[in-house]
Protein backbone atom coordinates (compact mmCIF):
# COMPACT_ATOMS: atom_id res chain seq x y z
CA MET A 1 -32.10 5.73 22.35
CA ASN A 2 -28.69 4.17 22.77
CA ARG A 3 -27.67 1.57 20.21
CA PRO A 4 -26.49 -1.78 21.61
CA ARG A 5 -22.76 -1.98 21.77
CA ARG A 6 -21.28 -4.13 19.00
CA GLU A 7 -19.37 -7.15 20.26
CA VAL A 8 -15.75 -7.26 19.18
CA ARG A 9 -13.20 -10.05 19.24
CA ALA A 10 -9.47 -10.53 18.98
CA VAL A 11 -8.73 -11.57 15.41
CA HIS A 12 -5.25 -11.39 13.92
CA GLY A 13 -4.07 -11.51 10.31
CA VAL A 14 -4.19 -9.75 6.96
CA LEU A 15 -7.10 -9.64 4.54
CA LEU A 16 -6.13 -8.87 0.95
CA LEU A 17 -9.05 -6.74 -0.12
CA ASP A 18 -9.92 -5.83 -3.69
CA LYS A 19 -10.95 -2.23 -2.97
CA PRO A 20 -13.97 -1.37 -5.10
CA LEU A 21 -14.35 1.65 -7.32
CA GLY A 22 -15.85 4.72 -5.65
CA LEU A 23 -15.12 3.79 -2.05
CA THR A 24 -12.51 5.46 0.13
CA SER A 25 -9.87 3.24 1.71
CA ASN A 26 -11.14 4.16 5.18
CA ALA A 27 -14.72 3.27 4.30
CA ALA A 28 -13.52 -0.10 3.00
CA LEU A 29 -11.53 -0.61 6.21
CA GLN A 30 -14.56 0.11 8.40
CA ARG A 31 -16.70 -2.40 6.50
CA VAL A 32 -14.05 -5.11 6.89
CA LYS A 33 -13.62 -4.31 10.58
CA ARG A 34 -17.38 -4.52 11.11
CA VAL A 35 -17.72 -7.84 9.27
CA PHE A 36 -14.94 -9.45 11.32
CA HIS A 37 -16.13 -7.81 14.58
CA ALA A 38 -12.44 -6.95 14.94
CA ALA A 39 -11.26 -5.02 17.96
CA LYS A 40 -8.47 -3.43 15.95
CA ALA A 41 -7.86 -2.84 12.25
CA GLY A 42 -5.85 -0.65 9.90
CA HIS A 43 -5.06 -0.43 6.19
CA THR A 44 -1.69 -0.09 4.55
CA GLY A 45 -1.48 2.62 1.95
CA SER A 46 -4.58 4.50 0.85
CA LEU A 47 -6.07 4.17 -2.59
CA ASP A 48 -8.08 7.03 -4.09
CA PRO A 49 -11.84 6.41 -4.40
CA LEU A 50 -11.41 6.10 -8.19
CA ALA A 51 -8.71 3.42 -7.75
CA THR A 52 -9.24 -0.30 -7.23
CA GLY A 53 -7.09 -3.26 -6.30
CA VAL A 54 -4.77 -4.50 -3.60
CA LEU A 55 -5.56 -2.99 -0.20
CA PRO A 56 -4.19 -5.10 2.66
CA ILE A 57 -6.33 -4.77 5.79
CA CYS A 58 -4.39 -5.61 8.96
CA LEU A 59 -6.40 -6.98 11.89
CA GLY A 60 -5.33 -7.27 15.51
CA ASN A 61 -1.61 -7.67 16.07
CA ALA A 62 -0.99 -7.44 12.32
CA THR A 63 -1.56 -3.68 12.66
CA ARG A 64 1.82 -3.54 14.41
CA LEU A 65 3.39 -4.29 11.03
CA ALA A 66 1.24 -1.95 8.93
CA GLY A 67 4.01 0.64 8.75
CA TYR A 68 6.35 -1.82 7.06
CA LEU A 69 3.80 -2.48 4.33
CA LEU A 70 3.45 1.27 3.80
CA ASP A 71 7.14 1.28 2.85
CA ALA A 72 6.78 -1.58 0.37
CA ASP A 73 7.13 -1.18 -3.39
CA LYS A 74 3.92 -1.13 -5.42
CA ARG A 75 2.72 -2.04 -8.90
CA TYR A 76 -0.12 -0.30 -10.75
CA ARG A 77 -2.00 -0.62 -14.03
CA ALA A 78 -3.42 2.66 -15.32
CA THR A 79 -5.41 4.07 -18.22
CA VAL A 80 -4.95 7.66 -19.43
CA ARG A 81 -7.35 9.69 -21.57
CA LEU A 82 -5.29 11.66 -24.08
CA GLY A 83 -5.66 15.30 -25.08
CA VAL A 84 -7.15 16.80 -21.89
CA LYS A 85 -5.35 17.80 -18.69
CA THR A 86 -7.54 18.29 -15.61
CA THR A 87 -7.21 20.15 -12.33
CA THR A 88 -6.96 16.91 -10.37
CA GLY A 89 -5.02 14.77 -12.84
CA ASP A 90 -7.96 12.37 -13.08
CA ALA A 91 -11.54 12.21 -14.31
CA GLU A 92 -12.93 14.13 -11.31
CA GLY A 93 -11.25 17.39 -12.31
CA SER A 94 -12.11 20.17 -14.74
CA PRO A 95 -10.22 20.62 -18.02
CA VAL A 96 -7.32 23.08 -17.87
CA ALA A 97 -5.33 22.29 -21.04
CA HIS A 98 -5.68 20.46 -24.33
CA SER A 99 -3.42 18.82 -26.88
CA ASP A 100 -3.75 16.97 -30.19
CA PRO A 101 -2.91 13.31 -29.53
CA SER A 102 -3.05 12.33 -33.20
CA THR A 103 0.70 12.84 -33.50
CA LEU A 104 1.59 10.66 -30.48
CA THR A 105 3.46 7.45 -31.29
CA LEU A 106 4.27 4.34 -29.33
CA ALA A 107 7.98 4.90 -29.98
CA ALA A 108 7.84 8.36 -28.43
CA LEU A 109 6.07 7.05 -25.30
CA GLN A 110 8.54 4.20 -24.94
CA ALA A 111 11.54 6.50 -25.30
CA ALA A 112 10.15 8.87 -22.65
CA ALA A 113 9.42 5.92 -20.36
CA ALA A 114 13.08 4.92 -20.45
CA ARG A 115 14.06 8.44 -19.36
CA LEU A 116 11.57 8.34 -16.48
CA THR A 117 12.89 5.07 -15.06
CA GLY A 118 15.16 5.13 -12.01
CA ALA A 119 15.64 7.28 -8.93
CA GLN A 120 14.17 10.78 -9.25
CA THR A 121 12.13 13.45 -7.52
CA GLN A 122 8.44 14.16 -7.93
CA ILE A 123 6.35 17.15 -6.84
CA PRO A 124 3.14 15.88 -5.19
CA PRO A 125 -0.13 17.10 -6.71
CA MET A 126 -2.28 19.71 -5.00
CA TYR A 127 -5.15 17.24 -4.97
CA SER A 128 -3.56 14.93 -2.40
CA ALA A 129 -3.92 14.19 1.30
CA LEU A 130 -0.53 15.65 2.16
CA LYS A 131 -0.82 18.48 4.66
CA HIS A 132 0.30 22.11 4.56
CA HIS A 133 0.21 23.84 7.97
CA GLY A 134 -2.23 21.18 9.18
CA GLN A 135 -4.59 21.36 6.21
CA PRO A 136 -4.85 18.69 3.50
CA LEU A 137 -3.63 19.98 0.16
CA TYR A 138 -6.88 18.94 -1.53
CA ALA A 139 -8.83 21.22 0.84
CA LEU A 140 -6.67 24.16 -0.23
CA ALA A 141 -6.98 23.17 -3.89
CA ARG A 142 -10.78 23.19 -3.62
CA GLN A 143 -10.52 26.79 -2.42
CA GLY A 144 -8.60 27.64 -5.58
CA LEU A 145 -5.30 27.90 -3.71
CA GLU A 146 -1.96 26.47 -4.72
CA VAL A 147 1.01 26.27 -2.39
CA GLU A 148 4.61 25.31 -2.97
CA ARG A 149 5.27 21.59 -2.42
CA ALA A 150 8.65 20.09 -1.75
CA ALA A 151 9.81 17.51 -4.26
CA ARG A 152 10.02 14.00 -2.86
CA ASP A 153 12.43 11.21 -3.66
CA ILE A 154 10.80 8.34 -5.55
CA ARG A 155 11.95 5.46 -7.70
CA ILE A 156 10.45 4.04 -10.89
CA ASP A 157 11.69 0.49 -11.40
CA GLU A 158 9.62 -0.40 -14.43
CA LEU A 159 7.40 1.62 -16.75
CA ARG A 160 5.91 0.10 -19.87
CA VAL A 161 3.13 0.87 -22.31
CA LEU A 162 0.42 -1.77 -22.58
CA THR A 163 -1.89 -0.27 -25.22
CA LEU A 164 -2.17 2.91 -27.29
CA ASP A 165 -4.96 4.15 -29.53
CA ALA A 166 -6.24 7.52 -30.71
CA VAL A 167 -8.05 8.24 -27.45
CA GLU A 168 -6.25 6.47 -24.61
CA PHE A 169 -3.14 4.63 -23.57
CA SER A 170 -2.61 2.19 -20.73
CA PHE A 171 0.56 1.37 -18.85
CA GLU A 172 2.02 -0.61 -16.00
CA VAL A 173 4.42 0.81 -13.42
CA ARG A 174 6.44 -0.72 -10.58
CA CYS A 175 7.51 2.00 -8.17
CA SER A 176 8.53 3.01 -4.67
CA LYS A 177 6.25 4.33 -1.97
CA GLY A 178 5.23 7.97 -2.33
CA THR A 179 4.81 7.81 -6.11
CA TYR A 180 1.72 9.57 -7.46
CA VAL A 181 0.69 7.76 -10.63
CA ARG A 182 -1.45 10.73 -11.73
CA THR A 183 1.61 12.98 -11.61
CA LEU A 184 3.76 10.37 -13.32
CA ALA A 185 1.28 10.19 -16.19
CA GLU A 186 1.23 13.98 -16.54
CA ASP A 187 5.03 14.19 -16.50
CA TRP A 188 5.27 11.37 -19.02
CA LEU A 189 2.91 13.06 -21.44
CA ALA A 190 4.56 16.45 -20.97
CA ALA A 191 7.84 14.84 -22.04
CA VAL A 192 6.27 14.02 -25.42
CA GLY A 193 4.44 17.32 -25.83
CA GLN A 194 1.04 16.00 -24.81
CA CYS A 195 -1.40 16.17 -21.93
CA GLY A 196 -3.98 13.82 -20.50
CA HIS A 197 -5.58 12.57 -17.30
CA LEU A 198 -6.05 9.27 -15.48
CA VAL A 199 -9.39 7.53 -16.04
CA ALA A 200 -8.60 4.19 -14.37
CA LEU A 201 -6.06 3.04 -11.80
CA ARG A 202 -5.62 -0.39 -10.26
CA ARG A 203 -3.00 -1.43 -7.75
CA THR A 204 -1.96 -4.93 -8.76
CA ALA A 205 0.71 -5.59 -6.11
CA LEU A 206 2.00 -4.25 -2.81
CA GLY A 207 5.19 -5.82 -1.54
CA ASP A 208 4.81 -9.61 -1.80
CA PHE A 209 1.01 -9.41 -2.09
CA ASP A 210 -0.63 -9.32 -5.52
CA GLU A 211 -4.11 -9.40 -7.01
CA ARG A 212 -4.26 -13.19 -7.46
CA THR A 213 -5.58 -13.77 -3.92
CA LEU A 214 -7.89 -10.78 -3.43
CA THR A 215 -11.30 -10.89 -1.76
CA THR A 216 -14.11 -8.50 -2.65
CA LEU A 217 -16.26 -6.81 -0.02
CA ASP A 218 -19.39 -8.40 -1.48
CA ALA A 219 -17.92 -11.90 -1.25
CA LEU A 220 -16.69 -11.26 2.29
CA GLU A 221 -20.04 -9.97 3.51
CA GLN A 222 -21.88 -12.98 2.06
CA LEU A 223 -19.83 -15.58 3.96
CA PRO A 224 -21.93 -17.52 6.48
CA ASP A 225 -19.82 -17.35 9.64
CA ALA A 226 -16.64 -16.19 11.34
CA ALA A 227 -14.78 -19.40 10.55
CA ALA A 228 -15.31 -18.90 6.81
CA ARG A 229 -14.17 -15.29 7.04
CA ASP A 230 -11.13 -16.10 9.20
CA ALA A 231 -10.04 -18.68 6.62
CA LEU A 232 -9.38 -15.79 4.22
CA LEU A 233 -6.81 -14.19 6.52
CA HIS A 234 -3.11 -14.42 5.81
CA PRO A 235 -1.03 -15.01 8.95
CA ILE A 236 1.15 -12.27 10.39
CA ALA A 237 4.15 -14.32 9.25
CA ALA A 238 3.21 -13.54 5.64
CA LEU A 239 4.22 -9.92 6.24
CA LEU A 240 7.72 -11.00 7.22
CA ALA A 241 8.62 -13.22 4.29
CA ASP A 242 11.55 -11.03 3.20
CA TRP A 243 12.97 -10.47 6.72
CA PRO A 244 15.99 -12.34 8.10
CA GLN A 245 14.57 -14.95 10.47
CA VAL A 246 15.57 -16.97 13.53
CA VAL A 247 13.67 -19.69 15.38
CA ALA A 248 13.21 -19.58 19.16
CA ASP A 249 12.44 -22.50 21.46
CA ALA A 250 9.99 -22.10 24.36
CA ALA A 251 12.64 -20.94 26.83
CA GLN A 252 14.05 -18.38 24.42
CA ALA A 253 10.54 -17.14 23.55
CA ALA A 254 9.75 -16.61 27.23
CA ARG A 255 12.90 -14.54 27.71
CA LEU A 256 12.16 -12.44 24.65
CA GLU A 257 8.60 -11.83 25.83
CA HIS A 258 10.03 -10.35 29.02
CA GLY A 259 12.25 -8.02 26.98
CA GLN A 260 15.50 -9.91 27.57
CA PRO A 261 18.06 -9.92 24.73
CA ILE A 262 19.55 -13.28 23.83
CA ARG A 263 21.93 -14.74 21.26
CA PHE A 264 20.81 -16.91 18.35
CA GLU A 265 22.98 -19.13 16.22
CA GLY A 266 22.60 -18.04 12.62
CA ALA A 267 21.29 -14.56 13.42
CA PRO A 268 22.45 -11.74 11.13
CA ALA A 269 25.51 -9.81 12.29
CA ALA A 270 23.43 -6.67 12.82
CA GLY A 271 20.11 -5.08 11.89
CA ARG A 272 16.54 -6.25 12.07
CA VAL A 273 15.33 -9.84 12.39
CA ALA A 274 11.99 -11.63 12.77
CA VAL A 275 11.74 -14.28 15.48
CA PHE A 276 9.51 -17.32 14.93
CA THR A 277 8.55 -20.46 16.81
CA ALA A 278 9.44 -23.86 15.36
CA GLY A 279 5.79 -24.10 14.28
CA GLY A 280 6.04 -20.93 12.18
CA GLN A 281 4.26 -18.49 14.50
CA ALA A 282 5.66 -14.96 14.37
CA LEU A 283 6.80 -14.02 17.87
CA CYS A 284 8.38 -10.60 17.56
CA LEU A 285 10.52 -8.19 15.65
CA ALA A 286 13.99 -7.68 17.05
CA GLN A 287 17.23 -5.79 16.55
CA VAL A 288 20.67 -7.39 16.50
CA ASP A 289 23.37 -5.23 18.02
CA ALA A 290 27.07 -5.14 17.15
CA GLU A 291 27.81 -7.83 19.75
CA GLY A 292 25.21 -10.25 18.39
CA TRP A 293 22.53 -9.78 21.03
CA VAL A 294 18.98 -10.08 19.68
CA ALA A 295 16.74 -7.61 21.53
CA PRO A 296 12.94 -7.71 21.04
CA SER A 297 11.46 -4.47 19.71
CA ARG A 298 7.83 -5.36 18.90
CA TRP A 299 5.88 -8.35 20.21
CA LEU A 300 3.55 -10.01 17.68
CA ALA A 301 2.31 -13.27 19.19
CA GLN A 302 -1.32 -13.38 20.25
CA ALA A 303 -0.59 -14.91 23.64
CA THR A 304 2.22 -16.03 25.89
CA VAL A 305 4.11 -18.85 24.22
CA ALA A 306 4.32 -21.94 26.41
């Protein structure tokens, strides 16, 4: 028996989801997409099932900007269980090493944190979704295999201890994309002669979005109608807050929509720019060439601008 086809609609914007514990990012995405009856959706930066927090879900034309959010800096709050290192770097793994945390001091952690701040390289963990010859590393790790991984450039902008006791310590980190907090915690503890594993991880910010305006899946699914759900969406323009911007009138917008480069007073001398209407609608992304011509590169508006 064939199931009736689910009706979908064109809905555009960004939902700031508070990803729940135990759910994959893709599973959370599919639930949001189903609730909105969205024709198109994508998330920006996976969180592990054991992680919670800021997971922007892009709907409709907002998916065209998802890649820019993937590049955004992130902030996390984490809790580490001291004295036991695991195969996965978190609570899902099996113990592989032990240490005596009774000698660990706040001063030692703080001193090591200062040394770990700044630009550096990090070797990704085997239990990650990165691929080796087409296979996810975690699939190889589950077979008991370990392969060489290339170190990746990352940046730690801020790393500070929040709490420390005889069993656990918690910390906050502000970092670049590509940073594995599990690996950071292991490297940090190794620097002070200890080991441990992550038992809690929460992403508190991604780019300009933070946890103050998050919506839970339960709250979303209990809303009575599409209008109430749509009211939770941030406009596409919210993704472009830190871009250089120019404003186009109707005639300029029509030319841009047809792929024609034009000049704007006040446009940057070169590089990327976001083009808006006078009413604040995001029209497109564009590139400014050396001669000052603004050429559209990605159209964002939902419909032809009159």
